[in-house]
């Protein structure tokens, strides 16, 4: 199985509703009006310091037989 990622900006409330969905961090940055570095920094710091980020990287497992 190959791994694919989706990048999201979610709402800052407890529900974390998806606001923007993109296929790459670059695309998300363009749509959100921020830099790619902002997204990577936010995701990294949230993992490191155990807090929530409005930016998420979500791994999607795809079956190799599907196209």
PDB file of N, CA and C in Angstrom:
ATOM      1  N   UNK A   1       0.825  -1.192   0.000  1.00  0.00           N
ATOM      2  CA  UNK A   1       0.000   0.000   0.000  1.00  0.00           C
ATOM      3  C   UNK A   1       0.866   1.251   0.000  1.00  0.00           C
ATOM      4  N   UNK A   2       0.468   2.194  -0.794  1.00  0.00           N
ATOM      5  CA  UNK A   2       1.179   3.468  -0.861  1.00  0.00           C
ATOM      6  C   UNK A   2       0.478   4.472   0.057  1.00  0.00           C
ATOM      7  N   UNK A   3       1.263   5.340   0.656  1.00  0.00           N
ATOM      8  CA  UNK A   3       0.696   6.366   1.525  1.00  0.00           C
ATOM      9  C   UNK A   3       0.563   7.677   0.774  1.00  0.00           C
ATOM     10  N   UNK A   4      -0.520   8.361   1.021  1.00  0.00           N
ATOM     11  CA  UNK A   4      -0.771   9.670   0.452  1.00  0.00           C
ATOM     12  C   UNK A   4      -1.220  10.558   1.604  1.00  0.00           C
ATOM     13  N   UNK A   5      -0.980  11.840   1.484  1.00  0.00           N
ATOM     14  CA  UNK A   5      -1.344  12.765   2.550  1.00  0.00           C
ATOM     15  C   UNK A   5      -2.293  13.833   2.040  1.00  0.00           C
ATOM     16  N   UNK A   6      -3.194  14.243   2.893  1.00  0.00           N
ATOM     17  CA  UNK A   6      -4.011  15.423   2.673  1.00  0.00           C
ATOM     18  C   UNK A   6      -3.593  16.442   3.719  1.00  0.00           C
ATOM     19  N   UNK A   7      -3.652  17.695   3.344  1.00  0.00           N
ATOM     20  CA  UNK A   7      -3.320  18.796   4.253  1.00  0.00           C
ATOM     21  C   UNK A   7      -4.580  19.597   4.483  1.00  0.00           C
ATOM     22  N   UNK A   8      -4.847  19.933   5.740  1.00  0.00           N
ATOM     23  CA  UNK A   8      -6.073  20.635   6.093  1.00  0.00           C
ATOM     24  C   UNK A   8      -5.810  21.831   6.988  1.00  0.00           C
ATOM     25  N   UNK A   9      -6.670  22.827   6.851  1.00  0.00           N
ATOM     26  CA  UNK A   9      -6.783  23.860   7.878  1.00  0.00           C
ATOM     27  C   UNK A   9      -8.141  23.616   8.499  1.00  0.00           C
ATOM     28  N   UNK A  10      -8.176  23.520   9.824  1.00  0.00           N
ATOM     29  CA  UNK A  10      -9.414  23.228  10.530  1.00  0.00           C
ATOM     30  C   UNK A  10      -9.804  24.410  11.414  1.00  0.00           C
ATOM     31  N   UNK A  11     -11.046  24.405  11.844  1.00  0.00           N
ATOM     32  CA  UNK A  11     -11.511  25.476  12.728  1.00  0.00           C
ATOM     33  C   UNK A  11     -10.785  25.382  14.068  1.00  0.00           C
ATOM     34  N   UNK A  12     -10.651  26.503  14.721  1.00  0.00           N
ATOM     35  CA  UNK A  12      -9.893  26.574  15.975  1.00  0.00           C
ATOM     36  C   UNK A  12     -10.723  26.164  17.189  1.00  0.00           C
ATOM     37  N   UNK A  13     -11.954  25.754  16.980  1.00  0.00           N
ATOM     38  CA  UNK A  13     -12.785  25.337  18.102  1.00  0.00           C
ATOM     39  C   UNK A  13     -12.597  23.853  18.404  1.00  0.00           C
ATOM     40  N   UNK A  14     -13.379  23.341  19.338  1.00  0.00           N
ATOM     41  CA  UNK A  14     -13.221  21.946  19.748  1.00  0.00           C
ATOM     42  C   UNK A  14     -13.641  20.951  18.669  1.00  0.00           C
ATOM     43  N   UNK A  15     -14.398  21.384  17.665  1.00  0.00           N
ATOM     44  CA  UNK A  15     -14.878  20.478  16.631  1.00  0.00           C
ATOM     45  C   UNK A  15     -13.859  20.250  15.514  1.00  0.00           C
ATOM     46  N   UNK A  16     -12.980  21.199  15.310  1.00  0.00           N
ATOM     47  CA  UNK A  16     -11.951  21.130  14.260  1.00  0.00           C
ATOM     48  C   UNK A  16     -12.546  20.786  12.884  1.00  0.00           C
ATOM     49  N   UNK A  17     -13.567  21.542  12.503  1.00  0.00           N
ATOM     50  CA  UNK A  17     -14.194  21.338  11.198  1.00  0.00           C
ATOM     51  C   UNK A  17     -13.212  21.701  10.088  1.00  0.00           C
ATOM     52  N   UNK A  18     -13.125  20.899   9.037  1.00  0.00           N
ATOM     53  CA  UNK A  18     -12.236  21.229   7.920  1.00  0.00           C
ATOM     54  C   UNK A  18     -12.700  22.511   7.221  1.00  0.00           C
ATOM     55  N   UNK A  19     -11.785  23.446   7.044  1.00  0.00           N
ATOM     56  CA  UNK A  19     -12.086  24.692   6.334  1.00  0.00           C
ATOM     57  C   UNK A  19     -11.468  24.687   4.947  1.00  0.00           C
ATOM     58  N   UNK A  20     -10.244  24.164   4.853  1.00  0.00           N
ATOM     59  CA  UNK A  20      -9.541  24.078   3.577  1.00  0.00           C
ATOM     60  C   UNK A  20      -8.891  22.702   3.498  1.00  0.00           C
ATOM     61  N   UNK A  21      -9.035  22.047   2.357  1.00  0.00           N
ATOM     62  CA  UNK A  21      -8.408  20.742   2.129  1.00  0.00           C
ATOM     63  C   UNK A  21      -7.550  20.854   0.881  1.00  0.00           C
ATOM     64  N   UNK A  22      -6.324  20.344   0.954  1.00  0.00           N
ATOM     65  CA  UNK A  22      -5.402  20.429  -0.182  1.00  0.00           C
ATOM     66  C   UNK A  22      -4.588  19.143  -0.281  1.00  0.00           C
ATOM     67  N   UNK A  23      -4.000  18.925  -1.451  1.00  0.00           N
ATOM     68  CA  UNK A  23      -3.184  17.740  -1.698  1.00  0.00           C
ATOM     69  C   UNK A  23      -1.731  17.918  -1.280  1.00  0.00           C
ATOM     70  N   UNK A  24      -1.323  19.147  -0.988  1.00  0.00           N
ATOM     71  CA  UNK A  24       0.066  19.390  -0.577  1.00  0.00           C
ATOM     72  C   UNK A  24       0.099  20.584   0.376  1.00  0.00           C
ATOM     73  N   UNK A  25       1.189  20.669   1.121  1.00  0.00           N
ATOM     74  CA  UNK A  25       1.364  21.804   2.026  1.00  0.00           C
ATOM     75  C   UNK A  25       1.474  23.102   1.231  1.00  0.00           C
ATOM     76  N   UNK A  26       2.099  23.034   0.075  1.00  0.00           N
ATOM     77  CA  UNK A  26       2.240  24.212  -0.781  1.00  0.00           C
ATOM     78  C   UNK A  26       0.876  24.720  -1.239  1.00  0.00           C
ATOM     79  N   UNK A  27       0.016  23.808  -1.656  1.00  0.00           N
ATOM     80  CA  UNK A  27      -1.325  24.184  -2.104  1.00  0.00           C
ATOM     81  C   UNK A  27      -2.139  24.754  -0.940  1.00  0.00           C
ATOM     82  N   UNK A  28      -2.032  24.135   0.234  1.00  0.00           N
ATOM     83  CA  UNK A  28      -2.741  24.638   1.410  1.00  0.00           C
ATOM     84  C   UNK A  28      -2.264  26.034   1.776  1.00  0.00           C
ATOM     85  N   UNK A  29      -0.957  26.241   1.724  1.00  0.00           N
ATOM     86  CA  UNK A  29      -0.396  27.556   2.047  1.00  0.00           C
ATOM     87  C   UNK A  29      -0.945  28.619   1.095  1.00  0.00           C
ATOM     88  N   UNK A  30      -0.999  28.296  -0.187  1.00  0.00           N
ATOM     89  CA  UNK A  30      -1.520  29.241  -1.180  1.00  0.00           C
ATOM     90  C   UNK A  30      -2.987  29.565  -0.888  1.00  0.00           C
ATOM     91  N   UNK A  31      -3.789  28.528  -0.627  1.00  0.00           N
ATOM     92  CA  UNK A  31      -5.215  28.730  -0.363  1.00  0.00           C
ATOM     93  C   UNK A  31      -5.464  29.478   0.947  1.00  0.00           C
ATOM     94  N   UNK A  32      -4.618  29.233   1.951  1.00  0.00           N
ATOM     95  CA  UNK A  32      -4.807  29.839   3.269  1.00  0.00           C
ATOM     96  C   UNK A  32      -4.157  31.219   3.390  1.00  0.00           C
ATOM     97  N   UNK A  33      -3.324  31.586   2.408  1.00  0.00           N
ATOM     98  CA  UNK A  33      -2.679  32.892   2.444  1.00  0.00           C
ATOM     99  C   UNK A  33      -1.535  32.979   3.437  1.00  0.00           C
ATOM    100  N   UNK A  34      -0.856  31.847   3.663  1.00  0.00           N
ATOM    101  CA  UNK A  34       0.302  31.807   4.556  1.00  0.00           C
ATOM    102  C   UNK A  34       1.462  31.141   3.807  1.00  0.00           C
ATOM    103  N   UNK A  35       2.609  31.100   4.444  1.00  0.00           N
ATOM    104  CA  UNK A  35       3.743  30.428   3.813  1.00  0.00           C
ATOM    105  C   UNK A  35       3.735  28.945   4.163  1.00  0.00           C
ATOM    106  N   UNK A  36       4.433  28.174   3.351  1.00  0.00           N
ATOM    107  CA  UNK A  36       4.597  26.752   3.613  1.00  0.00           C
ATOM    108  C   UNK A  36       5.284  26.543   4.963  1.00  0.00           C
ATOM    109  N   UNK A  37       6.239  27.402   5.262  1.00  0.00           N
ATOM    110  CA  UNK A  37       6.957  27.325   6.532  1.00  0.00           C
ATOM    111  C   UNK A  37       6.045  27.496   7.727  1.00  0.00           C
ATOM    112  N   UNK A  38       5.042  28.347   7.602  1.00  0.00           N
ATOM    113  CA  UNK A  38       4.076  28.546   8.682  1.00  0.00           C
ATOM    114  C   UNK A  38       3.346  27.243   8.988  1.00  0.00           C
ATOM    115  N   UNK A  39       2.955  26.548   7.936  1.00  0.00           N
ATOM    116  CA  UNK A  39       2.221  25.295   8.116  1.00  0.00           C
ATOM    117  C   UNK A  39       3.117  24.239   8.751  1.00  0.00           C
ATOM    118  N   UNK A  40       4.326  24.049   8.207  1.00  0.00           N
ATOM    119  CA  UNK A  40       5.241  23.049   8.759  1.00  0.00           C
ATOM    120  C   UNK A  40       5.616  23.378  10.195  1.00  0.00           C
ATOM    121  N   UNK A  41       5.840  24.640  10.493  1.00  0.00           N
ATOM    122  CA  UNK A  41       6.198  25.056  11.842  1.00  0.00           C
ATOM    123  C   UNK A  41       5.055  24.781  12.815  1.00  0.00           C
ATOM    124  N   UNK A  42       3.846  25.098  12.423  1.00  0.00           N
ATOM    125  CA  UNK A  42       2.685  24.889  13.275  1.00  0.00           C
ATOM    126  C   UNK A  42       2.477  23.401  13.573  1.00  0.00           C
ATOM    127  N   UNK A  43       2.562  22.569  12.541  1.00  0.00           N
ATOM    128  CA  UNK A  43       2.384  21.122  12.716  1.00  0.00           C
ATOM    129  C   UNK A  43       3.495  20.553  13.595  1.00  0.00           C
ATOM    130  N   UNK A  44       4.720  20.953  13.326  1.00  0.00           N
ATOM    131  CA  UNK A  44       5.866  20.452  14.081  1.00  0.00           C
ATOM    132  C   UNK A  44       5.807  20.869  15.553  1.00  0.00           C
ATOM    133  N   UNK A  45       5.535  22.140  15.806  1.00  0.00           N
ATOM    134  CA  UNK A  45       5.464  22.632  17.186  1.00  0.00           C
ATOM    135  C   UNK A  45       4.316  21.994  17.960  1.00  0.00           C
ATOM    136  N   UNK A  46       3.196  21.744  17.279  1.00  0.00           N
ATOM    137  CA  UNK A  46       2.062  21.101  17.948  1.00  0.00           C
ATOM    138  C   UNK A  46       2.429  19.691  18.390  1.00  0.00           C
ATOM    139  N   UNK A  47       3.129  18.960  17.537  1.00  0.00           N
ATOM    140  CA  UNK A  47       3.564  17.608  17.906  1.00  0.00           C
ATOM    141  C   UNK A  47       4.587  17.661  19.031  1.00  0.00           C
ATOM    142  N   UNK A  48       5.528  18.555  18.914  1.00  0.00           N
ATOM    143  CA  UNK A  48       6.624  18.652  19.881  1.00  0.00           C
ATOM    144  C   UNK A  48       6.137  19.055  21.273  1.00  0.00           C
ATOM    145  N   UNK A  49       5.188  19.994  21.323  1.00  0.00           N
ATOM    146  CA  UNK A  49       4.730  20.542  22.598  1.00  0.00           C
ATOM    147  C   UNK A  49       3.343  20.032  23.014  1.00  0.00           C
ATOM    148  N   UNK A  50       2.834  19.069  22.239  1.00  0.00           N
ATOM    149  CA  UNK A  50       1.565  18.405  22.551  1.00  0.00           C
ATOM    150  C   UNK A  50       0.388  19.385  22.676  1.00  0.00           C
ATOM    151  N   UNK A  51       0.205  20.209  21.660  1.00  0.00           N
ATOM    152  CA  UNK A  51      -0.974  21.054  21.615  1.00  0.00           C
ATOM    153  C   UNK A  51      -1.567  20.999  20.219  1.00  0.00           C
ATOM    154  N   UNK A  52      -2.742  21.579  20.030  1.00  0.00           N
ATOM    155  CA  UNK A  52      -3.446  21.502  18.759  1.00  0.00           C
ATOM    156  C   UNK A  52      -2.983  22.594  17.805  1.00  0.00           C
ATOM    157  N   UNK A  53      -3.029  22.251  16.530  1.00  0.00           N
ATOM    158  CA  UNK A  53      -2.716  23.187  15.461  1.00  0.00           C
ATOM    159  C   UNK A  53      -3.928  23.269  14.542  1.00  0.00           C
ATOM    160  N   UNK A  54      -4.134  24.432  13.924  1.00  0.00           N
ATOM    161  CA  UNK A  54      -5.219  24.528  12.950  1.00  0.00           C
ATOM    162  C   UNK A  54      -4.831  23.888  11.619  1.00  0.00           C
ATOM    163  N   UNK A  55      -3.557  23.522  11.468  1.00  0.00           N
ATOM    164  CA  UNK A  55      -3.093  22.840  10.269  1.00  0.00           C
ATOM    165  C   UNK A  55      -2.840  21.379  10.593  1.00  0.00           C
ATOM    166  N   UNK A  56      -3.288  20.491   9.724  1.00  0.00           N
ATOM    167  CA  UNK A  56      -3.166  19.051   9.953  1.00  0.00           C
ATOM    168  C   UNK A  56      -2.630  18.364   8.704  1.00  0.00           C
ATOM    169  N   UNK A  57      -1.827  17.340   8.927  1.00  0.00           N
ATOM    170  CA  UNK A  57      -1.391  16.442   7.861  1.00  0.00           C
ATOM    171  C   UNK A  57      -2.057  15.102   8.160  1.00  0.00           C
ATOM    172  N   UNK A  58      -2.862  14.607   7.229  1.00  0.00           N
ATOM    173  CA  UNK A  58      -3.616  13.379   7.434  1.00  0.00           C
ATOM    174  C   UNK A  58      -3.156  12.338   6.421  1.00  0.00           C
ATOM    175  N   UNK A  59      -2.703  11.191   6.938  1.00  0.00           N
ATOM    176  CA  UNK A  59      -2.235  10.123   6.044  1.00  0.00           C
ATOM    177  C   UNK A  59      -3.426   9.317   5.556  1.00  0.00           C
ATOM    178  N   UNK A  60      -3.460   9.093   4.248  1.00  0.00           N
ATOM    179  CA  UNK A  60      -4.499   8.290   3.607  1.00  0.00           C
ATOM    180  C   UNK A  60      -3.800   7.065   3.029  1.00  0.00           C
ATOM    181  N   UNK A  61      -4.238   5.891   3.430  1.00  0.00           N
ATOM    182  CA  UNK A  61      -3.670   4.675   2.850  1.00  0.00           C
ATOM    183  C   UNK A  61      -4.500   4.290   1.647  1.00  0.00           C
ATOM    184  N   UNK A  62      -3.809   4.103   0.521  1.00  0.00           N
ATOM    185  CA  UNK A  62      -4.489   3.733  -0.707  1.00  0.00           C
ATOM    186  C   UNK A  62      -4.151   2.297  -1.071  1.00  0.00           C
ATOM    187  N   UNK A  63      -5.112   1.586  -1.591  1.00  0.00           N
ATOM    188  CA  UNK A  63      -4.874   0.247  -2.086  1.00  0.00           C
ATOM    189  C   UNK A  63      -4.167   0.373  -3.427  1.00  0.00           C
ATOM    190  N   UNK A  64      -3.097  -0.392  -3.628  1.00  0.00           N
ATOM    191  CA  UNK A  64      -2.333  -0.303  -4.878  1.00  0.00           C
ATOM    192  C   UNK A  64      -3.142  -0.693  -6.092  1.00  0.00           C
ATOM    193  N   UNK A  65      -4.227  -1.447  -5.902  1.00  0.00           N
ATOM    194  CA  UNK A  65      -5.057  -1.878  -7.012  1.00  0.00           C
ATOM    195  C   UNK A  65      -6.023  -0.789  -7.479  1.00  0.00           C
ATOM    196  N   UNK A  66      -6.229   0.217  -6.638  1.00  0.00           N
ATOM    197  CA  UNK A  66      -7.111   1.324  -6.990  1.00  0.00           C
ATOM    198  C   UNK A  66      -6.352   2.399  -7.727  1.00  0.00           C
ATOM    199  N   UNK A  67      -7.034   3.044  -8.646  1.00  0.00           N
ATOM    200  CA  UNK A  67      -6.410   4.161  -9.375  1.00  0.00           C
ATOM    201  C   UNK A  67      -7.279   5.370  -9.339  1.00  0.00           C
TER     202      UNK A  67
END
